[in-house]
C-alpha atoms as a PDB file:
ATOM      1  CA  UNK A   1       2.160 -26.074  -8.533  1.00  0.00           C
ATOM      2  CA  UNK A   2       2.770 -22.386  -9.251  1.00  0.00           C
ATOM      3  CA  UNK A   3       2.920 -20.065  -6.205  1.00  0.00           C
ATOM      4  CA  UNK A   4       0.560 -17.153  -6.137  1.00  0.00           C
ATOM      5  CA  UNK A   5       2.185 -14.059  -7.190  1.00  0.00           C
ATOM      6  CA  UNK A   6       1.659 -11.264  -4.819  1.00  0.00           C
ATOM      7  CA  UNK A   7       2.504  -7.544  -5.257  1.00  0.00           C
ATOM      8  CA  UNK A   8       2.809  -5.823  -1.854  1.00  0.00           C
ATOM      9  CA  UNK A   9       2.261  -2.136  -1.455  1.00  0.00           C
ATOM     10  CA  UNK A  10       3.186  -1.096   1.948  1.00  0.00           C
ATOM     11  CA  UNK A  11       4.192   1.556   4.478  1.00  0.00           C
ATOM     12  CA  UNK A  12       8.043   1.600   5.153  1.00  0.00           C
ATOM     13  CA  UNK A  13       7.278   1.045   8.884  1.00  0.00           C
ATOM     14  CA  UNK A  14       6.831  -2.511   7.976  1.00  0.00           C
ATOM     15  CA  UNK A  15       9.739  -2.960   5.553  1.00  0.00           C
ATOM     16  CA  UNK A  16      12.181  -4.840   7.735  1.00  0.00           C
ATOM     17  CA  UNK A  17       9.533  -7.233   9.066  1.00  0.00           C
ATOM     18  CA  UNK A  18       8.025  -7.917   5.659  1.00  0.00           C
ATOM     19  CA  UNK A  19      11.520  -8.464   3.936  1.00  0.00           C
ATOM     20  CA  UNK A  20      12.206 -10.909   6.739  1.00  0.00           C
ATOM     21  CA  UNK A  21       8.953 -12.744   6.351  1.00  0.00           C
ATOM     22  CA  UNK A  22       9.161 -12.833   2.554  1.00  0.00           C
ATOM     23  CA  UNK A  23      12.012 -15.236   2.664  1.00  0.00           C
ATOM     24  CA  UNK A  24       9.903 -18.049   3.907  1.00  0.00           C
ATOM     25  CA  UNK A  25       6.572 -17.025   2.389  1.00  0.00           C
ATOM     26  CA  UNK A  26       4.309 -19.433   0.580  1.00  0.00           C
ATOM     27  CA  UNK A  27       3.842 -16.816  -2.205  1.00  0.00           C
ATOM     28  CA  UNK A  28       6.140 -15.204  -4.843  1.00  0.00           C
ATOM     29  CA  UNK A  29       6.384 -11.564  -3.703  1.00  0.00           C
ATOM     30  CA  UNK A  30       7.415  -8.181  -5.036  1.00  0.00           C
ATOM     31  CA  UNK A  31       7.364  -5.061  -2.964  1.00  0.00           C
ATOM     32  CA  UNK A  32       6.700  -1.308  -3.191  1.00  0.00           C
ATOM     33  CA  UNK A  33       7.170   0.874  -0.153  1.00  0.00           C
ATOM     34  CA  UNK A  34       5.614   4.312  -0.272  1.00  0.00           C
ATOM     35  CA  UNK A  35       6.982   7.379   1.426  1.00  0.00           C
ATOM     36  CA  UNK A  36       6.646   7.602   5.152  1.00  0.00           C
ATOM     37  CA  UNK A  37       5.722  11.272   4.827  1.00  0.00           C
ATOM     38  CA  UNK A  38       2.424  10.459   3.345  1.00  0.00           C
ATOM     39  CA  UNK A  39       1.287   9.944   6.998  1.00  0.00           C
ATOM     40  CA  UNK A  40       1.849  13.579   7.734  1.00  0.00           C
ATOM     41  CA  UNK A  41      -0.366  15.028   4.915  1.00  0.00           C
ATOM     42  CA  UNK A  42      -3.982  15.212   3.988  1.00  0.00           C
ATOM     43  CA  UNK A  43      -5.849  11.900   3.991  1.00  0.00           C
ATOM     44  CA  UNK A  44      -6.359  12.434   0.128  1.00  0.00           C
ATOM     45  CA  UNK A  45      -2.652  12.397  -0.520  1.00  0.00           C
ATOM     46  CA  UNK A  46      -2.152   9.087   0.997  1.00  0.00           C
ATOM     47  CA  UNK A  47      -5.244   7.769  -0.717  1.00  0.00           C
ATOM     48  CA  UNK A  48      -4.153   9.063  -4.038  1.00  0.00           C
ATOM     49  CA  UNK A  49      -0.602   7.512  -3.697  1.00  0.00           C
ATOM     50  CA  UNK A  50      -2.083   4.255  -2.804  1.00  0.00           C
ATOM     51  CA  UNK A  51      -4.641   4.184  -5.688  1.00  0.00           C
ATOM     52  CA  UNK A  52      -1.727   5.163  -7.991  1.00  0.00           C
ATOM     53  CA  UNK A  53       0.395   2.306  -6.964  1.00  0.00           C
ATOM     54  CA  UNK A  54      -2.385  -0.045  -7.344  1.00  0.00           C
ATOM     55  CA  UNK A  55      -3.317   1.188 -10.752  1.00  0.00           C
ATOM     56  CA  UNK A  56       0.444   1.021 -11.796  1.00  0.00           C
ATOM     57  CA  UNK A  57       0.475  -2.901 -11.507  1.00  0.00           C
ATOM     58  CA  UNK A  58       0.101  -4.542 -14.693  1.00  0.00           C
ATOM     59  CA  UNK A  59      -2.315  -7.442 -14.776  1.00  0.00           C
ATOM     60  CA  UNK A  60       0.488  -9.873 -15.984  1.00  0.00           C
ATOM     61  CA  UNK A  61       2.868  -8.789 -13.141  1.00  0.00           C
ATOM     62  CA  UNK A  62       0.975 -10.588 -10.345  1.00  0.00           C
ATOM     63  CA  UNK A  63      -2.084 -12.481  -9.367  1.00  0.00           C
ATOM     64  CA  UNK A  64      -3.219 -10.134  -6.434  1.00  0.00           C
ATOM     65  CA  UNK A  65      -2.124  -7.020  -4.684  1.00  0.00           C
ATOM     66  CA  UNK A  66      -1.714  -6.787  -0.754  1.00  0.00           C
ATOM     67  CA  UNK A  67      -1.887  -3.490   0.943  1.00  0.00           C
ATOM     68  CA  UNK A  68       0.368  -3.039   4.026  1.00  0.00           C
ATOM     69  CA  UNK A  69      -1.632  -0.359   5.523  1.00  0.00           C
ATOM     70  CA  UNK A  70      -4.305  -0.143   8.180  1.00  0.00           C
ATOM     71  CA  UNK A  71      -7.247   2.275   8.125  1.00  0.00           C
ATOM     72  CA  UNK A  72      -4.543   4.975   8.853  1.00  0.00           C
ATOM     73  CA  UNK A  73      -6.689   8.093   9.171  1.00  0.00           C
ATOM     74  CA  UNK A  74      -8.956   6.673   6.620  1.00  0.00           C
ATOM     75  CA  UNK A  75      -6.494   6.656   3.815  1.00  0.00           C
ATOM     76  CA  UNK A  76      -7.519   3.358   2.494  1.00  0.00           C
ATOM     77  CA  UNK A  77     -11.187   4.290   2.344  1.00  0.00           C
ATOM     78  CA  UNK A  78     -12.355   4.658  -1.281  1.00  0.00           C
ATOM     79  CA  UNK A  79      -9.510   2.615  -2.763  1.00  0.00           C
ATOM     80  CA  UNK A  80     -10.586   0.732  -5.803  1.00  0.00           C
ATOM     81  CA  UNK A  81      -9.714  -2.846  -7.228  1.00  0.00           C
ATOM     82  CA  UNK A  82      -9.308  -2.490 -10.881  1.00  0.00           C
ATOM     83  CA  UNK A  83      -8.306  -5.464 -13.021  1.00  0.00           C
ATOM     84  CA  UNK A  84      -6.729  -7.462  -9.914  1.00  0.00           C
ATOM     85  CA  UNK A  85      -7.918  -8.480  -6.496  1.00  0.00           C
ATOM     86  CA  UNK A  86      -6.762  -6.233  -3.728  1.00  0.00           C
ATOM     87  CA  UNK A  87      -6.457  -7.543  -0.100  1.00  0.00           C
ATOM     88  CA  UNK A  88      -6.287  -5.111   2.897  1.00  0.00           C
ATOM     89  CA  UNK A  89      -6.079  -5.758   6.645  1.00  0.00           C
ATOM     90  CA  UNK A  90      -8.752  -4.906   8.920  1.00  0.00           C
ATOM     91  CA  UNK A  91      -6.541  -2.938  11.111  1.00  0.00           C
ATOM     92  CA  UNK A  92      -6.754   0.423  12.803  1.00  0.00           C
ATOM     93  CA  UNK A  93      -3.181   1.234  12.023  1.00  0.00           C
ATOM     94  CA  UNK A  94       0.187  -0.487  12.019  1.00  0.00           C
ATOM     95  CA  UNK A  95       0.354  -0.860  15.843  1.00  0.00           C
ATOM     96  CA  UNK A  96      -2.186  -3.667  15.899  1.00  0.00           C
ATOM     97  CA  UNK A  97      -0.491  -5.398  12.935  1.00  0.00           C
ATOM     98  CA  UNK A  98       2.802  -5.372  14.789  1.00  0.00           C
ATOM     99  CA  UNK A  99       1.183  -6.589  18.062  1.00  0.00           C
ATOM    100  CA  UNK A 100      -0.553  -9.302  16.149  1.00  0.00           C
ATOM    101  CA  UNK A 101      -4.255  -8.414  16.414  1.00  0.00           C
ATOM    102  CA  UNK A 102      -6.468  -5.533  16.928  1.00  0.00           C
ATOM    103  CA  UNK A 103      -7.652  -7.100  20.217  1.00  0.00           C
ATOM    104  CA  UNK A 104      -4.083  -6.983  21.688  1.00  0.00           C
ATOM    105  CA  UNK A 105      -3.833  -3.290  20.453  1.00  0.00           C
ATOM    106  CA  UNK A 106      -7.046  -2.223  22.169  1.00  0.00           C
ATOM    107  CA  UNK A 107      -6.296  -4.233  25.317  1.00  0.00           C
ATOM    108  CA  UNK A 108      -3.089  -2.129  25.692  1.00  0.00           C
ATOM    109  CA  UNK A 109      -4.908   1.208  25.107  1.00  0.00           C
ATOM    110  CA  UNK A 110      -7.513   0.178  27.658  1.00  0.00           C
ATOM    111  CA  UNK A 111      -4.867  -0.738  30.244  1.00  0.00           C
ATOM    112  CA  UNK A 112      -2.977   2.492  29.857  1.00  0.00           C
ATOM    113  CA  UNK A 113      -4.617   5.027  27.498  1.00  0.00           C
ATOM    114  CA  UNK A 114      -1.756   7.557  27.673  1.00  0.00           C
ATOM    115  CA  UNK A 115       0.587   5.327  25.666  1.00  0.00           C
ATOM    116  CA  UNK A 116       2.667   6.333  22.663  1.00  0.00           C
ATOM    117  CA  UNK A 117       3.744   3.353  20.579  1.00  0.00           C
ATOM    118  CA  UNK A 118       6.897   3.033  18.799  1.00  0.00           C
ATOM    119  CA  UNK A 119       8.773   0.374  16.647  1.00  0.00           C
ATOM    120  CA  UNK A 120      11.938  -0.033  14.787  1.00  0.00           C
ATOM    121  CA  UNK A 121      10.337   0.986  11.468  1.00  0.00           C
ATOM    122  CA  UNK A 122       8.920   4.207  13.043  1.00  0.00           C
ATOM    123  CA  UNK A 123      12.260   5.197  14.506  1.00  0.00           C
ATOM    124  CA  UNK A 124      14.342   4.233  11.376  1.00  0.00           C
ATOM    125  CA  UNK A 125      12.069   6.369   9.213  1.00  0.00           C
ATOM    126  CA  UNK A 126      11.943   9.295  11.387  1.00  0.00           C
ATOM    127  CA  UNK A 127      14.355  12.174  10.771  1.00  0.00           C
ATOM    128  CA  UNK A 128      17.845  11.215  12.264  1.00  0.00           C
ATOM    129  CA  UNK A 129      19.681  13.352  14.722  1.00  0.00           C
ATOM    130  CA  UNK A 130      16.930  15.973  14.947  1.00  0.00           C
ATOM    131  CA  UNK A 131      17.297  17.066  11.332  1.00  0.00           C
ATOM    132  CA  UNK A 132      14.438  19.187  10.084  1.00  0.00           C
ATOM    133  CA  UNK A 133      12.487  18.153   7.079  1.00  0.00           C
ATOM    134  CA  UNK A 134      12.369  20.720   4.400  1.00  0.00           C
ATOM    135  CA  UNK A 135       8.511  21.075   4.343  1.00  0.00           C
ATOM    136  CA  UNK A 136       6.815  19.010   6.919  1.00  0.00           C
ATOM    137  CA  UNK A 137       7.116  19.084  10.774  1.00  0.00           C
ATOM    138  CA  UNK A 138       6.804  16.016  12.832  1.00  0.00           C
ATOM    139  CA  UNK A 139       4.849  16.223  16.204  1.00  0.00           C
ATOM    140  CA  UNK A 140       5.164  13.584  18.733  1.00  0.00           C
ATOM    141  CA  UNK A 141       7.933  12.193  21.061  1.00  0.00           C
ATOM    142  CA  UNK A 142      10.455  12.497  18.148  1.00  0.00           C
ATOM    143  CA  UNK A 143       9.413  15.970  17.198  1.00  0.00           C
ATOM    144  CA  UNK A 144      11.647  17.959  14.890  1.00  0.00           C
ATOM    145  CA  UNK A 145       9.918  21.149  15.821  1.00  0.00           C
ATOM    146  CA  UNK A 146      11.526  24.438  17.220  1.00  0.00           C
ATOM    147  CA  UNK A 147      10.054  27.621  17.898  1.00  0.00           C
ATOM    148  CA  UNK A 148      12.368  29.520  15.438  1.00  0.00           C
ATOM    149  CA  UNK A 149      11.438  27.137  12.498  1.00  0.00           C
ATOM    150  CA  UNK A 150       7.707  27.700  13.080  1.00  0.00           C
ATOM    151  CA  UNK A 151       8.278  31.555  13.339  1.00  0.00           C
ATOM    152  CA  UNK A 152      10.086  31.523  10.169  1.00  0.00           C
ATOM    153  CA  UNK A 153       7.329  29.607   8.409  1.00  0.00           C
ATOM    154  CA  UNK A 154       4.312  30.926  10.208  1.00  0.00           C
ATOM    155  CA  UNK A 155       5.067  34.010  12.094  1.00  0.00           C
ATOM    156  CA  UNK A 156       5.233  34.808  15.793  1.00  0.00           C
ATOM    157  CA  UNK A 157       1.616  34.371  16.886  1.00  0.00           C
ATOM    158  CA  UNK A 158       0.977  31.262  14.809  1.00  0.00           C
ATOM    159  CA  UNK A 159       4.169  29.740  16.069  1.00  0.00           C
ATOM    160  CA  UNK A 160       3.122  30.139  19.665  1.00  0.00           C
ATOM    161  CA  UNK A 161      -0.276  28.785  18.973  1.00  0.00           C
ATOM    162  CA  UNK A 162       1.266  25.606  17.289  1.00  0.00           C
ATOM    163  CA  UNK A 163       3.631  24.972  19.979  1.00  0.00           C
ATOM    164  CA  UNK A 164       0.762  25.253  22.509  1.00  0.00           C
ATOM    165  CA  UNK A 165      -1.153  22.644  20.458  1.00  0.00           C
ATOM    166  CA  UNK A 166       1.927  20.431  20.408  1.00  0.00           C
ATOM    167  CA  UNK A 167       2.198  20.581  24.103  1.00  0.00           C
ATOM    168  CA  UNK A 168      -1.408  19.683  24.547  1.00  0.00           C
ATOM    169  CA  UNK A 169      -1.074  16.750  22.058  1.00  0.00           C
ATOM    170  CA  UNK A 170       1.771  15.138  24.083  1.00  0.00           C
ATOM    171  CA  UNK A 171       0.753  16.196  27.613  1.00  0.00           C
ATOM    172  CA  UNK A 172      -1.421  13.051  28.159  1.00  0.00           C
ATOM    173  CA  UNK A 173       1.119  10.461  27.373  1.00  0.00           C
ATOM    174  CA  UNK A 174       2.763   8.606  30.333  1.00  0.00           C
ATOM    175  CA  UNK A 175       4.169   5.668  28.663  1.00  0.00           C
ATOM    176  CA  UNK A 176       6.332   4.865  25.551  1.00  0.00           C
ATOM    177  CA  UNK A 177       5.681   1.317  24.490  1.00  0.00           C
ATOM    178  CA  UNK A 178       8.253  -0.045  22.232  1.00  0.00           C
ATOM    179  CA  UNK A 179       7.210  -3.038  20.014  1.00  0.00           C
ATOM    180  CA  UNK A 180      10.049  -5.197  19.680  1.00  0.00           C
ATOM    181  CA  UNK A 181      10.353  -7.441  16.417  1.00  0.00           C
ATOM    182  CA  UNK A 182      13.440  -9.451  15.430  1.00  0.00           C
ATOM    183  CA  UNK A 183      14.712  -7.054  12.686  1.00  0.00           C
ATOM    184  CA  UNK A 184      18.325  -6.095  12.052  1.00  0.00           C
ATOM    185  CA  UNK A 185      19.713  -3.449  14.433  1.00  0.00           C
ATOM    186  CA  UNK A 186      16.814  -3.946  16.777  1.00  0.00           C
ATOM    187  CA  UNK A 187      19.035  -3.281  19.667  1.00  0.00           C
ATOM    188  CA  UNK A 188      19.891   0.238  18.300  1.00  0.00           C
ATOM    189  CA  UNK A 189      16.023   1.252  18.092  1.00  0.00           C
ATOM    190  CA  UNK A 190      15.356  -0.208  21.540  1.00  0.00           C
ATOM    191  CA  UNK A 191      17.974   2.160  22.819  1.00  0.00           C
ATOM    192  CA  UNK A 192      16.563   5.155  20.889  1.00  0.00           C
ATOM    193  CA  UNK A 193      12.957   4.420  22.211  1.00  0.00           C
ATOM    194  CA  UNK A 194      14.456   4.355  25.825  1.00  0.00           C
ATOM    195  CA  UNK A 195      16.086   7.689  25.247  1.00  0.00           C
ATOM    196  CA  UNK A 196      12.949   9.304  23.921  1.00  0.00           C
ATOM    197  CA  UNK A 197      10.969   8.016  26.999  1.00  0.00           C
ATOM    198  CA  UNK A 198      13.585   9.454  29.197  1.00  0.00           C
ATOM    199  CA  UNK A 199      13.731  12.847  27.524  1.00  0.00           C
ATOM    200  CA  UNK A 200       9.933  13.086  27.972  1.00  0.00           C
ATOM    201  CA  UNK A 201       9.684  11.746  31.340  1.00  0.00           C
ATOM    202  CA  UNK A 202       7.557   8.728  30.360  1.00  0.00           C
ATOM    203  CA  UNK A 203       7.613   5.173  31.588  1.00  0.00           C
ATOM    204  CA  UNK A 204       9.377   2.942  29.054  1.00  0.00           C
ATOM    205  CA  UNK A 205       8.009  -0.671  28.364  1.00  0.00           C
ATOM    206  CA  UNK A 206       8.973  -3.153  25.774  1.00  0.00           C
ATOM    207  CA  UNK A 207       6.099  -5.125  24.234  1.00  0.00           C
ATOM    208  CA  UNK A 208       6.734  -8.265  22.252  1.00  0.00           C
ATOM    209  CA  UNK A 209       5.790  -8.023  18.596  1.00  0.00           C
ATOM    210  CA  UNK A 210       3.756 -10.709  16.942  1.00  0.00           C
ATOM    211  CA  UNK A 211       4.312 -11.008  13.204  1.00  0.00           C
ATOM    212  CA  UNK A 212       1.522 -13.495  12.729  1.00  0.00           C
ATOM    213  CA  UNK A 213      -0.834 -11.000  10.966  1.00  0.00           C
ATOM    214  CA  UNK A 214       1.824  -9.834   8.558  1.00  0.00           C
ATOM    215  CA  UNK A 215       2.917 -13.319   7.875  1.00  0.00           C
ATOM    216  CA  UNK A 216      -0.763 -14.228   7.023  1.00  0.00           C
ATOM    217  CA  UNK A 217      -0.838 -11.222   4.653  1.00  0.00           C
ATOM    218  CA  UNK A 218       2.192 -12.501   2.717  1.00  0.00           C
ATOM    219  CA  UNK A 219       1.227 -16.163   2.829  1.00  0.00           C
ATOM    220  CA  UNK A 220      -2.327 -15.429   1.219  1.00  0.00           C
ATOM    221  CA  UNK A 221      -3.905 -16.890   4.367  1.00  0.00           C
ATOM    222  CA  UNK A 222      -6.611 -14.301   4.239  1.00  0.00           C
ATOM    223  CA  UNK A 223      -9.477 -14.969   6.612  1.00  0.00           C
ATOM    224  CA  UNK A 224     -12.393 -12.618   6.719  1.00  0.00           C
ATOM    225  CA  UNK A 225     -11.965 -11.649  10.292  1.00  0.00           C
ATOM    226  CA  UNK A 226      -8.554 -10.107   9.520  1.00  0.00           C
ATOM    227  CA  UNK A 227      -8.702  -9.127   5.856  1.00  0.00           C
ATOM    228  CA  UNK A 228     -10.963  -7.382   3.334  1.00  0.00           C
ATOM    229  CA  UNK A 229     -10.747  -9.008  -0.211  1.00  0.00           C
ATOM    230  CA  UNK A 230     -11.802  -6.789  -2.921  1.00  0.00           C
ATOM    231  CA  UNK A 231     -12.808  -8.222  -6.355  1.00  0.00           C
ATOM    232  CA  UNK A 232     -12.089  -6.127  -9.439  1.00  0.00           C
ATOM    233  CA  UNK A 233     -14.727  -3.498  -9.620  1.00  0.00           C
ATOM    234  CA  UNK A 234     -15.203  -3.068  -5.849  1.00  0.00           C
ATOM    235  CA  UNK A 235     -13.945  -0.345  -3.598  1.00  0.00           C
ATOM    236  CA  UNK A 236     -13.361   0.074   0.061  1.00  0.00           C
ATOM    237  CA  UNK A 237     -16.246   1.522   2.182  1.00  0.00           C
ATOM    238  CA  UNK A 238     -15.926   2.393   5.971  1.00  0.00           C
ATOM    239  CA  UNK A 239     -17.862   0.264   8.605  1.00  0.00           C
ATOM    240  CA  UNK A 240     -18.597   1.434  12.088  1.00  0.00           C
ATOM    241  CA  UNK A 241     -18.116  -1.893  13.689  1.00  0.00           C
ATOM    242  CA  UNK A 242     -15.192  -4.359  14.419  1.00  0.00           C
ATOM    243  CA  UNK A 243     -14.792  -5.051  10.702  1.00  0.00           C
ATOM    244  CA  UNK A 244     -13.652  -1.552  10.170  1.00  0.00           C
ATOM    245  CA  UNK A 245     -13.948  -1.661   6.347  1.00  0.00           C
ATOM    246  CA  UNK A 246     -16.121  -3.618   3.704  1.00  0.00           C
ATOM    247  CA  UNK A 247     -16.505  -3.951   0.037  1.00  0.00           C
ATOM    248  CA  UNK A 248     -18.750  -1.706  -2.098  1.00  0.00           C
ATOM    249  CA  UNK A 249     -19.526  -1.453  -5.920  1.00  0.00           C
ATOM    250  CA  UNK A 250     -16.893   1.012  -7.466  1.00  0.00           C
END
């Protein structure tokens, strides 16, 4: 019996985990990982990149398309399935998918709201060694922002305002939670996460990752509670309940 051919369009934050799981998957898989920087731009830019990647898959190339993104600032809302079925996790973002469930993610936030989550994929795809990206600035514990760069780009007054907003953004964090998954060089990223927590004066905690949700995505084990399955001619609509997203006519 032929295995289902699955084309996966995913965020690079999952790349190592997905490549590891693909070796034992029940489906025949091809990957396309989009740019990490799409998270930093407008929602429309991420949506456009995802739709372009979906539309670029030829009908004879696979049997279905799987999206390795969560709701992610609503970047998946409005995505359309054209000639092929499209499957999308009902996840808030990558954190729940790496922890194994939305319930686990929400429980962590309820227990300690001031938590900044990190993983090997996030750290690996962040600017290394404090390098500054040419066009985009990253705010968060691994910020690449300096006042001089902001002054050069936005002027003195705007630079001070942006730095104030950055400080407000990070002030409420008290814990850095590193989601540990068995990916190559995991010890290196564990150490990096500890260093970031130390620099910020935050508590460091290592959380065990659970790759079950990602494994089910690759194995085509698509239960309705965890996945939205779009038929050709349907698009993603937002839902204000635990389902997060639903199918609508395109």
